[in-house]
Protein backbone atom coordinates (compact mmCIF):
# COMPACT_ATOMS: atom_id res chain seq x y z
CA MET A 1 2.95 0.60 -27.35
CA PRO A 2 3.02 -2.71 -25.43
CA LYS A 3 -0.04 -3.68 -23.45
CA ALA A 4 0.09 -3.97 -19.68
CA TRP A 5 -2.50 -5.65 -17.50
CA VAL A 6 -3.60 -5.64 -13.89
CA TYR A 7 -5.50 -8.77 -12.89
CA ILE A 8 -7.17 -10.56 -10.00
CA LEU A 9 -7.17 -14.32 -9.57
CA LYS A 10 -9.48 -16.26 -7.30
CA CYS A 11 -7.57 -19.10 -5.68
CA SER A 12 -8.94 -22.52 -4.76
CA ASP A 13 -9.20 -21.48 -1.09
CA GLY A 14 -11.34 -18.45 -2.03
CA SER A 15 -8.57 -15.89 -1.51
CA TYR A 16 -7.68 -13.29 -4.12
CA TYR A 17 -4.31 -12.63 -5.74
CA VAL A 18 -3.66 -9.29 -7.43
CA GLY A 19 -0.91 -9.00 -10.02
CA SER A 20 0.28 -7.15 -13.09
CA THR A 21 1.97 -8.29 -16.27
CA MET A 22 2.87 -7.36 -19.81
CA SER A 23 1.55 -10.71 -21.11
CA LEU A 24 -1.70 -11.78 -19.47
CA LYS A 25 -2.01 -15.10 -21.30
CA LYS A 26 1.56 -16.13 -20.45
CA ARG A 27 1.28 -15.04 -16.82
CA LEU A 28 -1.98 -16.96 -16.32
CA ALA A 29 -0.37 -20.10 -17.71
CA GLU A 30 2.55 -19.61 -15.30
CA HIS A 31 0.17 -19.34 -12.36
CA GLN A 32 -1.77 -22.46 -13.41
CA ASN A 33 1.48 -24.41 -13.80
CA GLY A 34 2.66 -23.46 -10.31
CA GLU A 35 5.33 -21.14 -11.70
CA GLY A 36 3.59 -17.90 -10.71
CA SER A 37 3.82 -16.60 -7.19
CA GLU A 38 4.36 -18.55 -3.99
CA TRP A 39 0.85 -17.52 -2.95
CA THR A 40 -0.90 -19.03 -5.96
CA LYS A 41 1.41 -22.05 -6.12
CA MET A 42 -0.07 -23.26 -2.82
CA ARG A 43 -3.67 -22.48 -3.84
CA LEU A 44 -4.16 -24.08 -7.26
CA PRO A 45 -6.18 -24.03 -9.38
CA VAL A 46 -6.72 -20.32 -9.87
CA GLU A 47 -9.38 -18.53 -11.90
CA LEU A 48 -9.07 -15.16 -13.62
CA VAL A 49 -11.92 -13.03 -12.24
CA PHE A 50 -10.81 -9.54 -13.31
CA SER A 51 -8.41 -7.98 -15.79
CA GLN A 52 -7.93 -4.44 -17.01
CA GLU A 53 -5.67 -3.31 -19.82
CA MET A 54 -3.63 -0.26 -18.87
CA PRO A 55 -1.73 2.33 -20.94
CA ASP A 56 1.71 1.55 -19.53
CA LYS A 57 3.49 -0.66 -17.02
CA ASN A 58 4.08 2.15 -14.51
CA GLN A 59 0.37 2.93 -14.19
CA THR A 60 -0.36 -0.79 -14.09
CA TYR A 61 2.04 -1.32 -11.20
CA LEU A 62 0.57 1.62 -9.27
CA LEU A 63 -2.97 0.29 -9.71
CA GLU A 64 -1.84 -3.21 -8.66
CA GLN A 65 -0.35 -1.81 -5.44
CA GLN A 66 -3.52 0.19 -4.77
CA ILE A 67 -5.86 -2.79 -5.25
CA LYS A 68 -3.68 -5.01 -3.04
CA LYS A 69 -4.47 -2.69 -0.11
CA TRP A 70 -8.23 -2.89 -0.67
CA SER A 71 -10.60 -4.90 1.49
CA ARG A 72 -12.09 -8.12 0.17
CA ALA A 73 -15.46 -6.36 -0.20
CA LYS A 74 -13.92 -3.62 -2.31
CA LYS A 75 -12.09 -6.14 -4.53
CA GLU A 76 -15.34 -8.05 -5.03
CA ALA A 77 -17.18 -4.84 -5.97
CA LEU A 78 -14.51 -4.24 -8.64
CA ILE A 79 -14.69 -7.85 -9.86
CA ASN A 80 -18.49 -7.67 -10.14
CA GLY A 81 -18.54 -4.23 -11.76
CA LYS A 82 -20.56 -2.73 -8.90
CA TRP A 83 -19.28 0.80 -9.33
CA ASP A 84 -21.71 2.41 -6.85
CA LEU A 85 -20.70 -0.06 -4.16
CA LEU A 86 -17.03 0.45 -4.99
CA LYS A 87 -17.47 4.21 -4.59
CA TYR A 88 -19.31 3.66 -1.28
CA LEU A 89 -16.62 1.31 0.06
CA ALA A 90 -13.92 3.82 -0.88
CA LYS A 91 -15.25 6.14 1.82
CA LYS A 92 -14.04 5.82 5.38
CA PRO A 93 -16.58 3.84 7.46
CA ARG A 94 -17.66 6.89 9.49
CA PHE A 95 -18.63 8.68 6.24
CA ARG A 96 -20.66 5.81 4.73
CA LYS A 97 -24.29 6.91 4.81
């Protein structure tokens, strides 16, 4: 079964780019060469700060779309492996205690 990846890049301006691919190494090279997305092309260089192998491309795409909607704080909790903070940030603000 082919591998699929969801990944997060940190751009030179400090912003994050979330993507998915079947070939992580190739896609990272495309981003670094300005052939990736319009977003990263204008914010080079980029740095891979998170990647997760997934069982199939459909699940990978769904996770990518989910992460794209997350706040910066939630993305950074994922990047830093702070699972308790990630769980806390997943709650609606009025339920965070």
